[in-house]
Amino acid sequence: MRKIILVLILAFIVTTIFAEVKEKKTVFVVSLTTGLFSGYNVGLGFTNIYDDKAWEHTVNYQNALVSHVAKAKITWKPIDTHHFDSINYQANRFWNSEREKSFLILNCGVTFMPAMAIGMSGIDTDWVLPILSVGYGYSLKINKIYLRPSIDLGIQLSVATLKFAIIY
């Protein structure tokens, strides 16, 4: 798995360095994450558009709600909630300059996890969890806005993440 991720990272870097940029655009991303840890994601970045492909680079802030953590003490409130914050860099590689149809995702960053109770025991310190994932998405353009469902797998808060993004 590490070799595959390393090869993908090198492919991203090499193809970006040696191609000539035809156009550069600013992008703003808002997305919802579903699954075990649901939340929202906002990001800002740029797109390099080449003759036959496009690369979209964004820096994102993600907030995930964890609502199924039991308290260490027996109280009237049986479920405690926590929010996990993440900062990550995401690169999307499109196979056309219009940024439509399928695209490849590379995602790396960190998640900040607060101290919390799990079952009847707890974690007393804050944690930092790395994010390194690859994924696949599909991009639909409606007027000037892109709608993008995507999924990625890797080292992150949950093994797989399903997102629905709106990009302007």
Foldseek 3Di string as FASTA:
>chain_A
DVVVLVVVVVVVVVVVVPFDFPDKAKKWKWKWWDDQWTWIKIWIWMKGAGAFKIKTKIKMKIKTKHWAAAALDDDPDGTDIDIKIWIKIKMWIGRGRVPFFKIKIWMWTKIKAQWGHHHNRTRHGIDIFIDTWMWMWGWDDDPNKIWIWIKIADGDPDRMITMIMIMD
